[in-house]
Amino acid sequence: MKSATIPQVRVEPELRAQLEAVLRQGETLSEFVAASVRSAVEYRAAQARFHARGDAAWANHQRSGEAATAEQVIDKLQARLDARREQLSD
């Protein structure tokens, strides 16, 4: 597959200098920009999935009238956290 280009972005000289100051050894500006864009895309996709699950849960609540209490949700999250900690300690 051929690669595509991302449009050039104009930034203030100060931002460019800050960016260059944080580049790792051997890292290019293009690599940094590509990694940043990839990270932003992944973040926004995760955000969209989160909102979709929330909308579905709200629609289900409106349809059924059933909902978990805050205490039930916290207990469930605590159980998941405890299980994961146990798994990692083995």
N, C-alpha and C. Protein backbone atom coordinates (compact mmCIF):
# COMPACT_ATOMS: atom_id res chain seq x y z
N MET A 1 0.85 -1.17 0.00
CA MET A 1 0.00 0.00 0.00
C MET A 1 0.90 1.24 0.00
N LYS A 2 0.52 2.20 -0.80
CA LYS A 2 1.28 3.45 -0.87
C LYS A 2 0.98 4.27 0.37
N SER A 3 1.96 5.02 0.79
CA SER A 3 1.73 5.91 1.93
C SER A 3 1.13 7.22 1.43
N ALA A 4 0.45 7.90 2.33
CA ALA A 4 -0.15 9.18 2.00
C ALA A 4 0.50 10.25 2.86
N THR A 5 0.30 11.48 2.47
CA THR A 5 0.88 12.57 3.25
C THR A 5 -0.22 13.29 4.02
N ILE A 6 0.18 13.89 5.11
CA ILE A 6 -0.70 14.72 5.92
C ILE A 6 -0.36 16.16 5.55
N PRO A 7 -1.36 17.01 5.42
CA PRO A 7 -1.06 18.40 5.04
C PRO A 7 -0.09 19.07 6.01
N GLN A 8 0.70 19.98 5.45
CA GLN A 8 1.61 20.73 6.28
C GLN A 8 0.82 21.59 7.26
N VAL A 9 1.36 21.75 8.43
CA VAL A 9 0.71 22.55 9.45
C VAL A 9 1.64 23.69 9.83
N ARG A 10 1.13 24.89 9.79
CA ARG A 10 1.93 26.06 10.18
C ARG A 10 1.81 26.25 11.68
N VAL A 11 2.95 26.41 12.33
CA VAL A 11 2.98 26.63 13.78
C VAL A 11 3.91 27.79 14.08
N GLU A 12 3.76 28.33 15.28
CA GLU A 12 4.64 29.41 15.70
C GLU A 12 6.05 28.86 15.88
N PRO A 13 7.05 29.69 15.67
CA PRO A 13 8.45 29.25 15.84
C PRO A 13 8.71 28.70 17.24
N GLU A 14 8.03 29.25 18.25
CA GLU A 14 8.23 28.77 19.62
C GLU A 14 7.78 27.32 19.77
N LEU A 15 6.62 26.99 19.17
CA LEU A 15 6.12 25.61 19.25
C LEU A 15 7.06 24.66 18.50
N ARG A 16 7.54 25.08 17.35
CA ARG A 16 8.48 24.26 16.59
C ARG A 16 9.73 23.99 17.42
N ALA A 17 10.24 25.01 18.10
CA ALA A 17 11.43 24.85 18.93
C ALA A 17 11.15 23.90 20.10
N GLN A 18 9.98 24.04 20.72
CA GLN A 18 9.61 23.13 21.82
C GLN A 18 9.53 21.69 21.32
N LEU A 19 8.94 21.53 20.15
CA LEU A 19 8.81 20.19 19.59
C LEU A 19 10.19 19.58 19.31
N GLU A 20 11.04 20.33 18.70
CA GLU A 20 12.38 19.83 18.40
C GLU A 20 13.15 19.50 19.67
N ALA A 21 12.87 20.24 20.74
CA ALA A 21 13.57 20.01 22.01
C ALA A 21 13.17 18.69 22.66
N VAL A 22 12.00 18.18 22.34
CA VAL A 22 11.54 16.94 22.98
C VAL A 22 11.71 15.71 22.10
N LEU A 23 12.24 15.88 20.90
CA LEU A 23 12.48 14.71 20.04
C LEU A 23 13.51 13.80 20.69
N ARG A 24 13.28 12.51 20.60
CA ARG A 24 14.24 11.54 21.13
C ARG A 24 15.41 11.39 20.17
N GLN A 25 16.46 10.79 20.69
CA GLN A 25 17.66 10.55 19.88
C GLN A 25 17.29 9.79 18.61
N GLY A 26 17.60 10.36 17.46
CA GLY A 26 17.35 9.70 16.19
C GLY A 26 15.92 9.83 15.68
N GLU A 27 15.03 10.43 16.46
CA GLU A 27 13.63 10.58 16.04
C GLU A 27 13.51 11.79 15.13
N THR A 28 12.77 11.62 14.06
CA THR A 28 12.56 12.74 13.15
C THR A 28 11.25 13.45 13.48
N LEU A 29 11.15 14.65 12.99
CA LEU A 29 9.94 15.42 13.16
C LEU A 29 8.75 14.69 12.53
N SER A 30 8.97 14.11 11.37
CA SER A 30 7.90 13.37 10.68
C SER A 30 7.43 12.17 11.51
N GLU A 31 8.37 11.46 12.12
CA GLU A 31 8.00 10.31 12.96
C GLU A 31 7.19 10.77 14.17
N PHE A 32 7.60 11.88 14.76
CA PHE A 32 6.88 12.42 15.91
C PHE A 32 5.46 12.80 15.52
N VAL A 33 5.32 13.51 14.40
CA VAL A 33 4.00 13.94 13.95
C VAL A 33 3.12 12.73 13.64
N ALA A 34 3.66 11.74 12.95
CA ALA A 34 2.88 10.55 12.61
C ALA A 34 2.43 9.82 13.87
N ALA A 35 3.32 9.68 14.85
CA ALA A 35 2.96 9.01 16.10
C ALA A 35 1.90 9.81 16.86
N SER A 36 2.02 11.13 16.85
CA SER A 36 1.05 11.98 17.53
C SER A 36 -0.33 11.88 16.88
N VAL A 37 -0.36 11.88 15.56
CA VAL A 37 -1.63 11.75 14.84
C VAL A 37 -2.25 10.39 15.12
N ARG A 38 -1.43 9.34 15.07
CA ARG A 38 -1.93 7.98 15.34
C ARG A 38 -2.52 7.90 16.75
N SER A 39 -1.84 8.48 17.71
CA SER A 39 -2.32 8.48 19.09
C SER A 39 -3.63 9.24 19.22
N ALA A 40 -3.74 10.38 18.56
CA ALA A 40 -4.97 11.17 18.62
C ALA A 40 -6.13 10.43 17.98
N VAL A 41 -5.87 9.74 16.88
CA VAL A 41 -6.93 8.97 16.21
C VAL A 41 -7.41 7.84 17.12
N GLU A 42 -6.48 7.12 17.74
CA GLU A 42 -6.84 6.04 18.66
C GLU A 42 -7.65 6.57 19.85
N TYR A 43 -7.23 7.72 20.39
CA TYR A 43 -7.93 8.33 21.52
C TYR A 43 -9.37 8.69 21.13
N ARG A 44 -9.52 9.33 19.98
CA ARG A 44 -10.86 9.73 19.55
C ARG A 44 -11.75 8.53 19.26
N ALA A 45 -11.17 7.46 18.72
CA ALA A 45 -11.95 6.24 18.47
C ALA A 45 -12.41 5.64 19.80
N ALA A 46 -11.54 5.61 20.79
CA ALA A 46 -11.90 5.09 22.11
C ALA A 46 -12.99 5.97 22.74
N GLN A 47 -12.86 7.27 22.56
CA GLN A 47 -13.87 8.20 23.07
C GLN A 47 -15.22 7.92 22.42
N ALA A 48 -15.23 7.72 21.12
CA ALA A 48 -16.48 7.46 20.39
C ALA A 48 -17.12 6.16 20.87
N ARG A 49 -16.29 5.12 21.09
CA ARG A 49 -16.84 3.85 21.60
C ARG A 49 -17.42 4.03 23.00
N PHE A 50 -16.75 4.80 23.84
CA PHE A 50 -17.23 5.07 25.19
C PHE A 50 -18.59 5.75 25.15
N HIS A 51 -18.71 6.77 24.31
CA HIS A 51 -19.98 7.49 24.21
C HIS A 51 -21.07 6.59 23.64
N ALA A 52 -20.73 5.74 22.69
CA ALA A 52 -21.71 4.82 22.11
C ALA A 52 -22.24 3.86 23.18
N ARG A 53 -21.32 3.35 24.03
CA ARG A 53 -21.77 2.46 25.11
C ARG A 53 -22.66 3.20 26.09
N GLY A 54 -22.31 4.45 26.39
CA GLY A 54 -23.13 5.26 27.29
C GLY A 54 -24.51 5.53 26.71
N ASP A 55 -24.55 5.86 25.43
CA ASP A 55 -25.85 6.10 24.78
C ASP A 55 -26.70 4.84 24.78
N ALA A 56 -26.07 3.70 24.52
CA ALA A 56 -26.81 2.43 24.52
C ALA A 56 -27.33 2.10 25.91
N ALA A 57 -26.52 2.35 26.93
CA ALA A 57 -26.95 2.09 28.30
C ALA A 57 -28.11 3.01 28.68
N TRP A 58 -28.03 4.26 28.26
CA TRP A 58 -29.10 5.21 28.57
C TRP A 58 -30.39 4.80 27.86
N ALA A 59 -30.28 4.41 26.58
CA ALA A 59 -31.46 3.97 25.84
C ALA A 59 -32.07 2.73 26.49
N ASN A 60 -31.22 1.80 26.94
CA ASN A 60 -31.70 0.60 27.61
C ASN A 60 -32.42 0.97 28.91
N HIS A 61 -31.87 1.91 29.65
CA HIS A 61 -32.50 2.35 30.90
C HIS A 61 -33.87 2.99 30.62
N GLN A 62 -33.92 3.84 29.60
CA GLN A 62 -35.19 4.48 29.28
C GLN A 62 -36.24 3.46 28.84
N ARG A 63 -35.81 2.44 28.13
CA ARG A 63 -36.73 1.40 27.64
C ARG A 63 -37.19 0.49 28.76
N SER A 64 -36.27 0.07 29.61
CA SER A 64 -36.59 -0.93 30.63
C SER A 64 -36.89 -0.34 32.00
N GLY A 65 -36.37 0.85 32.26
CA GLY A 65 -36.54 1.45 33.57
C GLY A 65 -35.61 0.87 34.62
N GLU A 66 -34.78 -0.07 34.21
CA GLU A 66 -33.84 -0.71 35.15
C GLU A 66 -32.50 0.00 35.10
N ALA A 67 -31.89 0.09 36.27
CA ALA A 67 -30.57 0.70 36.34
C ALA A 67 -29.85 0.17 37.57
N ALA A 68 -28.55 0.13 37.48
CA ALA A 68 -27.74 -0.28 38.63
C ALA A 68 -27.54 0.93 39.53
N THR A 69 -27.47 0.68 40.81
CA THR A 69 -27.18 1.76 41.75
C THR A 69 -25.69 2.09 41.68
N ALA A 70 -25.34 3.25 42.18
CA ALA A 70 -23.93 3.64 42.21
C ALA A 70 -23.14 2.63 43.04
N GLU A 71 -23.72 2.17 44.12
CA GLU A 71 -23.04 1.19 44.97
C GLU A 71 -22.78 -0.11 44.22
N GLN A 72 -23.74 -0.56 43.43
CA GLN A 72 -23.54 -1.79 42.65
C GLN A 72 -22.42 -1.61 41.63
N VAL A 73 -22.40 -0.47 40.98
CA VAL A 73 -21.37 -0.20 39.98
C VAL A 73 -19.99 -0.16 40.64
N ILE A 74 -19.88 0.52 41.77
CA ILE A 74 -18.60 0.61 42.48
C ILE A 74 -18.15 -0.75 42.97
N ASP A 75 -19.09 -1.55 43.49
CA ASP A 75 -18.75 -2.90 43.94
C ASP A 75 -18.23 -3.75 42.79
N LYS A 76 -18.87 -3.64 41.63
CA LYS A 76 -18.44 -4.41 40.46
C LYS A 76 -17.05 -3.98 40.01
N LEU A 77 -16.82 -2.67 39.98
CA LEU A 77 -15.49 -2.17 39.59
C LEU A 77 -14.43 -2.60 40.60
N GLN A 78 -14.78 -2.57 41.88
CA GLN A 78 -13.83 -2.98 42.92
C GLN A 78 -13.48 -4.45 42.76
N ALA A 79 -14.48 -5.27 42.46
CA ALA A 79 -14.24 -6.70 42.27
C ALA A 79 -13.31 -6.94 41.08
N ARG A 80 -13.52 -6.19 39.99
CA ARG A 80 -12.64 -6.32 38.82
C ARG A 80 -11.22 -5.89 39.16
N LEU A 81 -11.10 -4.80 39.91
CA LEU A 81 -9.78 -4.31 40.33
C LEU A 81 -9.08 -5.33 41.22
N ASP A 82 -9.81 -5.88 42.19
CA ASP A 82 -9.23 -6.88 43.10
C ASP A 82 -8.78 -8.11 42.33
N ALA A 83 -9.59 -8.56 41.38
CA ALA A 83 -9.24 -9.73 40.57
C ALA A 83 -7.98 -9.47 39.75
N ARG A 84 -7.90 -8.29 39.17
CA ARG A 84 -6.72 -7.96 38.37
C ARG A 84 -5.47 -7.86 39.23
N ARG A 85 -5.61 -7.26 40.40
CA ARG A 85 -4.45 -7.17 41.30
C ARG A 85 -4.00 -8.56 41.72
N GLU A 86 -4.94 -9.44 41.98
CA GLU A 86 -4.62 -10.82 42.35
C GLU A 86 -3.89 -11.51 41.20
N GLN A 87 -4.38 -11.30 40.02
CA GLN A 87 -3.77 -11.91 38.83
C GLN A 87 -2.33 -11.40 38.65
N LEU A 88 -2.12 -10.13 38.87
CA LEU A 88 -0.78 -9.56 38.68
C LEU A 88 0.19 -9.95 39.80
N SER A 89 -0.33 -10.26 40.96
CA SER A 89 0.55 -10.61 42.08
C SER A 89 1.04 -12.05 42.01
N ASP A 90 0.40 -12.86 41.17
CA ASP A 90 0.83 -14.28 41.04
C ASP A 90 2.08 -14.44 40.25
